[in-house]
Amino acid sequence: MSRWIIRVHGRVQGVFYRQTALEKARQLGITGFARNEPDGTVYIEAESDENTLSRFLEWCWVGSPSARVENVETETVESRGYREFTTN
């Protein structure tokens, strides 16, 4: 089990990015959360196996239909054992 911190830059707030991230994460069986940050990014903590997280990361570069993703940063950190995926 791995946990990735993912920070998504671009036009990602106010375009249903978090909601579609929630749907995609639940579809893939990923746990964690997504939240808007004051700097305009979306911050995601995602837990699953590496292969599933890689598939989710590919989705993060696309996002919701109205999003315009400019950059995605990732960092691997220690797992926390989240039980579900939520949005804050």
PDB file of N, CA and C in Angstrom:
ATOM      1  N   MET A   1       0.851  -1.182   0.000  1.00  0.00           N
ATOM      2  CA  MET A   1       0.000   0.000   0.000  1.00  0.00           C
ATOM      3  C   MET A   1       0.896   1.244   0.000  1.00  0.00           C
ATOM      4  N   SER A   2       0.605   2.153  -0.896  1.00  0.00           N
ATOM      5  CA  SER A   2       1.360   3.402  -1.000  1.00  0.00           C
ATOM      6  C   SER A   2       0.416   4.587  -0.840  1.00  0.00           C
ATOM      7  N   ARG A   3       0.973   5.691  -0.407  1.00  0.00           N
ATOM      8  CA  ARG A   3       0.203   6.939  -0.333  1.00  0.00           C
ATOM      9  C   ARG A   3       0.962   7.994  -1.107  1.00  0.00           C
ATOM     10  N   TRP A   4       0.263   8.616  -2.054  1.00  0.00           N
ATOM     11  CA  TRP A   4       0.850   9.694  -2.832  1.00  0.00           C
ATOM     12  C   TRP A   4       0.163  10.994  -2.491  1.00  0.00           C
ATOM     13  N   ILE A   5       0.971  12.030  -2.316  1.00  0.00           N
ATOM     14  CA  ILE A   5       0.451  13.388  -2.240  1.00  0.00           C
ATOM     15  C   ILE A   5       0.533  13.947  -3.656  1.00  0.00           C
ATOM     16  N   ILE A   6      -0.587  14.433  -4.136  1.00  0.00           N
ATOM     17  CA  ILE A   6      -0.682  14.940  -5.507  1.00  0.00           C
ATOM     18  C   ILE A   6      -1.185  16.376  -5.439  1.00  0.00           C
ATOM     19  N   ARG A   7      -0.456  17.285  -6.065  1.00  0.00           N
ATOM     20  CA  ARG A   7      -0.883  18.690  -6.126  1.00  0.00           C
ATOM     21  C   ARG A   7      -1.081  19.037  -7.594  1.00  0.00           C
ATOM     22  N   VAL A   8      -2.311  19.479  -7.912  1.00  0.00           N
ATOM     23  CA  VAL A   8      -2.692  19.743  -9.296  1.00  0.00           C
ATOM     24  C   VAL A   8      -2.798  21.249  -9.509  1.00  0.00           C
ATOM     25  N   HIS A   9      -2.080  21.753 -10.500  1.00  0.00           N
ATOM     26  CA  HIS A   9      -2.043  23.180 -10.822  1.00  0.00           C
ATOM     27  C   HIS A   9      -2.812  23.449 -12.111  1.00  0.00           C
ATOM     28  N   GLY A  10      -3.354  24.639 -12.229  1.00  0.00           N
ATOM     29  CA  GLY A  10      -4.071  25.058 -13.432  1.00  0.00           C
ATOM     30  C   GLY A  10      -5.458  25.553 -13.082  1.00  0.00           C
ATOM     31  N   ARG A  11      -6.350  25.452 -14.037  1.00  0.00           N
ATOM     32  CA  ARG A  11      -7.751  25.824 -13.791  1.00  0.00           C
ATOM     33  C   ARG A  11      -8.453  24.576 -13.262  1.00  0.00           C
ATOM     34  N   VAL A  12      -8.364  24.384 -11.944  1.00  0.00           N
ATOM     35  CA  VAL A  12      -8.858  23.156 -11.329  1.00  0.00           C
ATOM     36  C   VAL A  12      -9.831  23.403 -10.178  1.00  0.00           C
ATOM     37  N   GLN A  13     -10.113  24.645  -9.876  1.00  0.00           N
ATOM     38  CA  GLN A  13     -11.121  24.956  -8.859  1.00  0.00           C
ATOM     39  C   GLN A  13     -12.331  25.565  -9.546  1.00  0.00           C
ATOM     40  N   GLY A  14     -13.522  25.189  -9.056  1.00  0.00           N
ATOM     41  CA  GLY A  14     -14.754  25.703  -9.643  1.00  0.00           C
ATOM     42  C   GLY A  14     -15.121  25.038 -10.954  1.00  0.00           C
ATOM     43  N   VAL A  15     -14.508  23.893 -11.256  1.00  0.00           N
ATOM     44  CA  VAL A  15     -14.773  23.172 -12.514  1.00  0.00           C
ATOM     45  C   VAL A  15     -15.067  21.692 -12.242  1.00  0.00           C
ATOM     46  N   PHE A  16     -15.502  21.373 -11.027  1.00  0.00           N
ATOM     47  CA  PHE A  16     -15.869  20.020 -10.607  1.00  0.00           C
ATOM     48  C   PHE A  16     -14.697  19.042 -10.608  1.00  0.00           C
ATOM     49  N   TYR A  17     -13.484  19.552 -10.468  1.00  0.00           N
ATOM     50  CA  TYR A  17     -12.309  18.676 -10.453  1.00  0.00           C
ATOM     51  C   TYR A  17     -12.361  17.721  -9.255  1.00  0.00           C
ATOM     52  N   ARG A  18     -12.621  18.245  -8.063  1.00  0.00           N
ATOM     53  CA  ARG A  18     -12.642  17.390  -6.869  1.00  0.00           C
ATOM     54  C   ARG A  18     -13.736  16.334  -6.956  1.00  0.00           C
ATOM     55  N   GLN A  19     -14.905  16.721  -7.442  1.00  0.00           N
ATOM     56  CA  GLN A  19     -16.012  15.767  -7.544  1.00  0.00           C
ATOM     57  C   GLN A  19     -15.684  14.629  -8.516  1.00  0.00           C
ATOM     58  N   THR A  20     -15.105  14.979  -9.651  1.00  0.00           N
ATOM     59  CA  THR A  20     -14.756  13.919 -10.606  1.00  0.00           C
ATOM     60  C   THR A  20     -13.557  13.104 -10.104  1.00  0.00           C
ATOM     61  N   ALA A  21     -12.662  13.719  -9.325  1.00  0.00           N
ATOM     62  CA  ALA A  21     -11.567  12.970  -8.693  1.00  0.00           C
ATOM     63  C   ALA A  21     -12.145  11.953  -7.702  1.00  0.00           C
ATOM     64  N   LEU A  22     -13.141  12.371  -6.951  1.00  0.00           N
ATOM     65  CA  LEU A  22     -13.826  11.484  -6.018  1.00  0.00           C
ATOM     66  C   LEU A  22     -14.419  10.287  -6.757  1.00  0.00           C
ATOM     67  N   GLU A  23     -15.113  10.542  -7.841  1.00  0.00           N
ATOM     68  CA  GLU A  23     -15.728   9.471  -8.620  1.00  0.00           C
ATOM     69  C   GLU A  23     -14.674   8.522  -9.186  1.00  0.00           C
ATOM     70  N   LYS A  24     -13.596   9.073  -9.737  1.00  0.00           N
ATOM     71  CA  LYS A  24     -12.537   8.244 -10.318  1.00  0.00           C
ATOM     72  C   LYS A  24     -11.833   7.421  -9.238  1.00  0.00           C
ATOM     73  N   ALA A  25     -11.526   8.054  -8.105  1.00  0.00           N
ATOM     74  CA  ALA A  25     -10.850   7.353  -7.010  1.00  0.00           C
ATOM     75  C   ALA A  25     -11.707   6.197  -6.509  1.00  0.00           C
ATOM     76  N   ARG A  26     -12.990   6.442  -6.318  1.00  0.00           N
ATOM     77  CA  ARG A  26     -13.875   5.369  -5.843  1.00  0.00           C
ATOM     78  C   ARG A  26     -13.998   4.260  -6.883  1.00  0.00           C
ATOM     79  N   GLN A  27     -14.016   4.617  -8.156  1.00  0.00           N
ATOM     80  CA  GLN A  27     -14.080   3.627  -9.235  1.00  0.00           C
ATOM     81  C   GLN A  27     -12.848   2.715  -9.194  1.00  0.00           C
ATOM     82  N   LEU A  28     -11.688   3.303  -8.897  1.00  0.00           N
ATOM     83  CA  LEU A  28     -10.437   2.543  -8.863  1.00  0.00           C
ATOM     84  C   LEU A  28     -10.168   1.879  -7.511  1.00  0.00           C
ATOM     85  N   GLY A  29     -10.976   2.178  -6.493  1.00  0.00           N
ATOM     86  CA  GLY A  29     -10.762   1.617  -5.164  1.00  0.00           C
ATOM     87  C   GLY A  29      -9.685   2.328  -4.373  1.00  0.00           C
ATOM     88  N   ILE A  30      -9.458   3.604  -4.677  1.00  0.00           N
ATOM     89  CA  ILE A  30      -8.452   4.420  -3.993  1.00  0.00           C
ATOM     90  C   ILE A  30      -9.100   5.095  -2.784  1.00  0.00           C
ATOM     91  N   THR A  31      -8.359   5.189  -1.691  1.00  0.00           N
ATOM     92  CA  THR A  31      -8.824   5.906  -0.507  1.00  0.00           C
ATOM     93  C   THR A  31      -8.001   7.173  -0.330  1.00  0.00           C
ATOM     94  N   GLY A  32      -8.512   8.116   0.468  1.00  0.00           N
ATOM     95  CA  GLY A  32      -7.832   9.376   0.726  1.00  0.00           C
ATOM     96  C   GLY A  32      -8.790  10.537   0.647  1.00  0.00           C
ATOM     97  N   PHE A  33      -8.314  11.677   0.130  1.00  0.00           N
ATOM     98  CA  PHE A  33      -9.167  12.857   0.024  1.00  0.00           C
ATOM     99  C   PHE A  33      -8.622  13.841  -0.995  1.00  0.00           C
ATOM    100  N   ALA A  34      -9.480  14.787  -1.376  1.00  0.00           N
ATOM    101  CA  ALA A  34      -9.091  15.908  -2.250  1.00  0.00           C
ATOM    102  C   ALA A  34      -9.667  17.177  -1.656  1.00  0.00           C
ATOM    103  N   ARG A  35      -8.880  18.265  -1.703  1.00  0.00           N
ATOM    104  CA  ARG A  35      -9.371  19.547  -1.192  1.00  0.00           C
ATOM    105  C   ARG A  35      -8.794  20.688  -2.019  1.00  0.00           C
ATOM    106  N   ASN A  36      -9.517  21.792  -2.056  1.00  0.00           N
ATOM    107  CA  ASN A  36      -9.018  23.012  -2.682  1.00  0.00           C
ATOM    108  C   ASN A  36      -8.057  23.700  -1.739  1.00  0.00           C
ATOM    109  N   GLU A  37      -7.016  24.277  -2.292  1.00  0.00           N
ATOM    110  CA  GLU A  37      -6.036  25.023  -1.520  1.00  0.00           C
ATOM    111  C   GLU A  37      -6.188  26.520  -1.812  1.00  0.00           C
ATOM    112  N   PRO A  38      -5.788  27.371  -0.864  1.00  0.00           N
ATOM    113  CA  PRO A  38      -5.903  28.822  -1.074  1.00  0.00           C
ATOM    114  C   PRO A  38      -5.138  29.340  -2.292  1.00  0.00           C
ATOM    115  N   ASP A  39      -4.085  28.619  -2.717  1.00  0.00           N
ATOM    116  CA  ASP A  39      -3.284  29.078  -3.859  1.00  0.00           C
ATOM    117  C   ASP A  39      -3.887  28.689  -5.208  1.00  0.00           C
ATOM    118  N   GLY A  40      -5.085  28.075  -5.206  1.00  0.00           N
ATOM    119  CA  GLY A  40      -5.757  27.717  -6.449  1.00  0.00           C
ATOM    120  C   GLY A  40      -5.492  26.301  -6.925  1.00  0.00           C
ATOM    121  N   THR A  41      -4.662  25.552  -6.207  1.00  0.00           N
ATOM    122  CA  THR A  41      -4.392  24.164  -6.580  1.00  0.00           C
ATOM    123  C   THR A  41      -5.410  23.232  -5.923  1.00  0.00           C
ATOM    124  N   VAL A  42      -5.406  21.989  -6.369  1.00  0.00           N
ATOM    125  CA  VAL A  42      -6.145  20.931  -5.693  1.00  0.00           C
ATOM    126  C   VAL A  42      -5.112  19.999  -5.081  1.00  0.00           C
ATOM    127  N   TYR A  43      -5.276  19.726  -3.793  1.00  0.00           N
ATOM    128  CA  TYR A  43      -4.378  18.857  -3.029  1.00  0.00           C
ATOM    129  C   TYR A  43      -5.081  17.520  -2.829  1.00  0.00           C
ATOM    130  N   ILE A  44      -4.387  16.442  -3.184  1.00  0.00           N
ATOM    131  CA  ILE A  44      -4.964  15.101  -3.074  1.00  0.00           C
ATOM    132  C   ILE A  44      -4.009  14.204  -2.305  1.00  0.00           C
ATOM    133  N   GLU A  45      -4.552  13.426  -1.379  1.00  0.00           N
ATOM    134  CA  GLU A  45      -3.818  12.318  -0.779  1.00  0.00           C
ATOM    135  C   GLU A  45      -4.528  11.056  -1.223  1.00  0.00           C
ATOM    136  N   ALA A  46      -3.803  10.149  -1.873  1.00  0.00           N
ATOM    137  CA  ALA A  46      -4.392   8.945  -2.446  1.00  0.00           C
ATOM    138  C   ALA A  46      -3.613   7.723  -1.997  1.00  0.00           C
ATOM    139  N   GLU A  47      -4.347   6.694  -1.543  1.00  0.00           N
ATOM    140  CA  GLU A  47      -3.723   5.444  -1.103  1.00  0.00           C
ATOM    141  C   GLU A  47      -4.243   4.262  -1.906  1.00  0.00           C
ATOM    142  N   SER A  48      -3.326   3.452  -2.366  1.00  0.00           N
ATOM    143  CA  SER A  48      -3.639   2.203  -3.061  1.00  0.00           C
ATOM    144  C   SER A  48      -2.317   1.554  -3.432  1.00  0.00           C
ATOM    145  N   ASP A  49      -2.359   0.557  -4.298  1.00  0.00           N
ATOM    146  CA  ASP A  49      -1.122  -0.018  -4.804  1.00  0.00           C
ATOM    147  C   ASP A  49      -0.559   0.911  -5.887  1.00  0.00           C
ATOM    148  N   GLU A  50       0.724   0.761  -6.182  1.00  0.00           N
ATOM    149  CA  GLU A  50       1.417   1.661  -7.118  1.00  0.00           C
ATOM    150  C   GLU A  50       0.774   1.687  -8.510  1.00  0.00           C
ATOM    151  N   ASN A  51       0.361   0.542  -9.011  1.00  0.00           N
ATOM    152  CA  ASN A  51      -0.230   0.465 -10.336  1.00  0.00           C
ATOM    153  C   ASN A  51      -1.537   1.268 -10.400  1.00  0.00           C
ATOM    154  N   THR A  52      -2.375   1.106  -9.396  1.00  0.00           N
ATOM    155  CA  THR A  52      -3.648   1.832  -9.358  1.00  0.00           C
ATOM    156  C   THR A  52      -3.407   3.327  -9.197  1.00  0.00           C
ATOM    157  N   LEU A  53      -2.452   3.704  -8.355  1.00  0.00           N
ATOM    158  CA  LEU A  53      -2.127   5.120  -8.193  1.00  0.00           C
ATOM    159  C   LEU A  53      -1.607   5.714  -9.494  1.00  0.00           C
ATOM    160  N   SER A  54      -0.848   4.957 -10.247  1.00  0.00           N
ATOM    161  CA  SER A  54      -0.357   5.443 -11.547  1.00  0.00           C
ATOM    162  C   SER A  54      -1.511   5.707 -12.500  1.00  0.00           C
ATOM    163  N   ARG A  55      -2.507   4.834 -12.503  1.00  0.00           N
ATOM    164  CA  ARG A  55      -3.694   5.047 -13.343  1.00  0.00           C
ATOM    165  C   ARG A  55      -4.445   6.307 -12.910  1.00  0.00           C
ATOM    166  N   PHE A  56      -4.556   6.519 -11.600  1.00  0.00           N
ATOM    167  CA  PHE A  56      -5.221   7.715 -11.087  1.00  0.00           C
ATOM    168  C   PHE A  56      -4.433   8.967 -11.457  1.00  0.00           C
ATOM    169  N   LEU A  57      -3.114   8.883 -11.373  1.00  0.00           N
ATOM    170  CA  LEU A  57      -2.270  10.026 -11.725  1.00  0.00           C
ATOM    171  C   LEU A  57      -2.455  10.409 -13.193  1.00  0.00           C
ATOM    172  N   GLU A  58      -2.585   9.442 -14.062  1.00  0.00           N
ATOM    173  CA  GLU A  58      -2.867   9.736 -15.475  1.00  0.00           C
ATOM    174  C   GLU A  58      -4.166  10.527 -15.596  1.00  0.00           C
ATOM    175  N   TRP A  59      -5.182  10.108 -14.835  1.00  0.00           N
ATOM    176  CA  TRP A  59      -6.454  10.833 -14.853  1.00  0.00           C
ATOM    177  C   TRP A  59      -6.256  12.271 -14.335  1.00  0.00           C
ATOM    178  N   CYS A  60      -5.435  12.457 -13.321  1.00  0.00           N
ATOM    179  CA  CYS A  60      -5.216  13.783 -12.735  1.00  0.00           C
ATOM    180  C   CYS A  60      -4.721  14.792 -13.761  1.00  0.00           C
ATOM    181  N   TRP A  61      -3.970  14.330 -14.761  1.00  0.00           N
ATOM    182  CA  TRP A  61      -3.476  15.229 -15.811  1.00  0.00           C
ATOM    183  C   TRP A  61      -4.590  15.701 -16.732  1.00  0.00           C
ATOM    184  N   VAL A  62      -5.711  14.992 -16.736  1.00  0.00           N
ATOM    185  CA  VAL A  62      -6.859  15.357 -17.582  1.00  0.00           C
ATOM    186  C   VAL A  62      -7.924  16.059 -16.741  1.00  0.00           C
ATOM    187  N   GLY A  63      -8.362  15.399 -15.680  1.00  0.00           N
ATOM    188  CA  GLY A  63      -9.343  15.972 -14.765  1.00  0.00           C
ATOM    189  C   GLY A  63     -10.738  16.037 -15.338  1.00  0.00           C
ATOM    190  N   SER A  64     -11.523  16.943 -14.798  1.00  0.00           N
ATOM    191  CA  SER A  64     -12.902  17.116 -15.243  1.00  0.00           C
ATOM    192  C   SER A  64     -12.928  17.763 -16.626  1.00  0.00           C
ATOM    193  N   PRO A  65     -14.057  17.648 -17.334  1.00  0.00           N
ATOM    194  CA  PRO A  65     -14.122  18.216 -18.684  1.00  0.00           C
ATOM    195  C   PRO A  65     -13.801  19.713 -18.768  1.00  0.00           C
ATOM    196  N   SER A  66     -14.123  20.483 -17.736  1.00  0.00           N
ATOM    197  CA  SER A  66     -13.881  21.935 -17.767  1.00  0.00           C
ATOM    198  C   SER A  66     -12.513  22.335 -17.219  1.00  0.00           C
ATOM    199  N   ALA A  67     -11.776  21.381 -16.667  1.00  0.00           N
ATOM    200  CA  ALA A  67     -10.462  21.697 -16.078  1.00  0.00           C
ATOM    201  C   ALA A  67      -9.423  21.930 -17.171  1.00  0.00           C
ATOM    202  N   ARG A  68      -8.396  22.693 -16.798  1.00  0.00           N
ATOM    203  CA  ARG A  68      -7.222  22.879 -17.652  1.00  0.00           C
ATOM    204  C   ARG A  68      -5.997  22.670 -16.757  1.00  0.00           C
ATOM    205  N   VAL A  69      -5.489  21.466 -16.763  1.00  0.00           N
ATOM    206  CA  VAL A  69      -4.372  21.091 -15.894  1.00  0.00           C
ATOM    207  C   VAL A  69      -3.069  21.562 -16.522  1.00  0.00           C
ATOM    208  N   GLU A  70      -2.276  22.292 -15.745  1.00  0.00           N
ATOM    209  CA  GLU A  70      -0.989  22.794 -16.223  1.00  0.00           C
ATOM    210  C   GLU A  70       0.185  21.989 -15.679  1.00  0.00           C
ATOM    211  N   ASN A  71       0.054  21.470 -14.465  1.00  0.00           N
ATOM    212  CA  ASN A  71       1.144  20.711 -13.861  1.00  0.00           C
ATOM    213  C   ASN A  71       0.585  19.834 -12.754  1.00  0.00           C
ATOM    214  N   VAL A  72       1.221  18.685 -12.544  1.00  0.00           N
ATOM    215  CA  VAL A  72       0.855  17.780 -11.460  1.00  0.00           C
ATOM    216  C   VAL A  72       2.143  17.378 -10.754  1.00  0.00           C
ATOM    217  N   GLU A  73       2.205  17.632  -9.457  1.00  0.00           N
ATOM    218  CA  GLU A  73       3.362  17.249  -8.643  1.00  0.00           C
ATOM    219  C   GLU A  73       2.969  16.069  -7.770  1.00  0.00           C
ATOM    220  N   THR A  74       3.898  15.136  -7.571  1.00  0.00           N
ATOM    221  CA  THR A  74       3.629  13.981  -6.713  1.00  0.00           C
ATOM    222  C   THR A  74       4.761  13.779  -5.718  1.00  0.00           C
ATOM    223  N   GLU A  75       4.391  13.191  -4.610  1.00  0.00           N
ATOM    224  CA  GLU A  75       5.356  12.839  -3.571  1.00  0.00           C
ATOM    225  C   GLU A  75       4.851  11.566  -2.904  1.00  0.00           C
ATOM    226  N   THR A  76       5.731  10.608  -2.675  1.00  0.00           N
ATOM    227  CA  THR A  76       5.360   9.374  -1.987  1.00  0.00           C
ATOM    228  C   THR A  76       5.657   9.546  -0.499  1.00  0.00           C
ATOM    229  N   VAL A  77       4.664   9.227   0.326  1.00  0.00           N
ATOM    230  CA  VAL A  77       4.811   9.346   1.777  1.00  0.00           C
ATOM    231  C   VAL A  77       4.266   8.079   2.435  1.00  0.00           C
ATOM    232  N   GLU A  78       4.437   7.969   3.738  1.00  0.00           N
ATOM    233  CA  GLU A  78       3.982   6.797   4.478  1.00  0.00           C
ATOM    234  C   GLU A  78       2.457   6.699   4.465  1.00  0.00           C
ATOM    235  N   SER A  79       1.943   5.481   4.316  1.00  0.00           N
ATOM    236  CA  SER A  79       0.492   5.245   4.296  1.00  0.00           C
ATOM    237  C   SER A  79      -0.144   5.589   5.631  1.00  0.00           C
ATOM    238  N   ARG A  80      -1.421   5.977   5.570  1.00  0.00           N
ATOM    239  CA  ARG A  80      -2.173   6.298   6.783  1.00  0.00           C
ATOM    240  C   ARG A  80      -3.340   5.359   7.028  1.00  0.00           C
ATOM    241  N   GLY A  81      -3.731   4.589   6.042  1.00  0.00           N
ATOM    242  CA  GLY A  81      -4.834   3.657   6.226  1.00  0.00           C
ATOM    243  C   GLY A  81      -6.204   4.301   6.106  1.00  0.00           C
ATOM    244  N   TYR A  82      -6.379   5.193   5.151  1.00  0.00           N
ATOM    245  CA  TYR A  82      -7.694   5.795   4.925  1.00  0.00           C
ATOM    246  C   TYR A  82      -8.709   4.712   4.599  1.00  0.00           C
ATOM    247  N   ARG A  83      -9.957   4.936   4.978  1.00  0.00           N
ATOM    248  CA  ARG A  83     -11.011   3.942   4.762  1.00  0.00           C
ATOM    249  C   ARG A  83     -11.846   4.232   3.511  1.00  0.00           C
ATOM    250  N   GLU A  84     -11.867   5.462   3.063  1.00  0.00           N
ATOM    251  CA  GLU A  84     -12.660   5.846   1.887  1.00  0.00           C
ATOM    252  C   GLU A  84     -12.025   7.066   1.241  1.00  0.00           C
ATOM    253  N   PHE A  85     -12.568   7.506   0.123  1.00  0.00           N
ATOM    254  CA  PHE A  85     -12.100   8.731  -0.511  1.00  0.00           C
ATOM    255  C   PHE A  85     -13.172   9.790  -0.322  1.00  0.00           C
ATOM    256  N   THR A  86     -12.765  10.976   0.144  1.00  0.00           N
ATOM    257  CA  THR A  86     -13.695  12.064   0.403  1.00  0.00           C
ATOM    258  C   THR A  86     -13.171  13.357  -0.207  1.00  0.00           C
ATOM    259  N   THR A  87     -14.028  14.366  -0.233  1.00  0.00           N
ATOM    260  CA  THR A  87     -13.597  15.708  -0.617  1.00  0.00           C
ATOM    261  C   THR A  87     -13.839  16.622   0.568  1.00  0.00           C
ATOM    262  N   ASN A  88     -12.943  17.549   0.773  1.00  0.00           N
ATOM    263  CA  ASN A  88     -13.047  18.504   1.882  1.00  0.00           C
ATOM    264  C   ASN A  88     -13.368  19.877   1.332  1.00  0.00           C
TER     265      ASN A  88
END
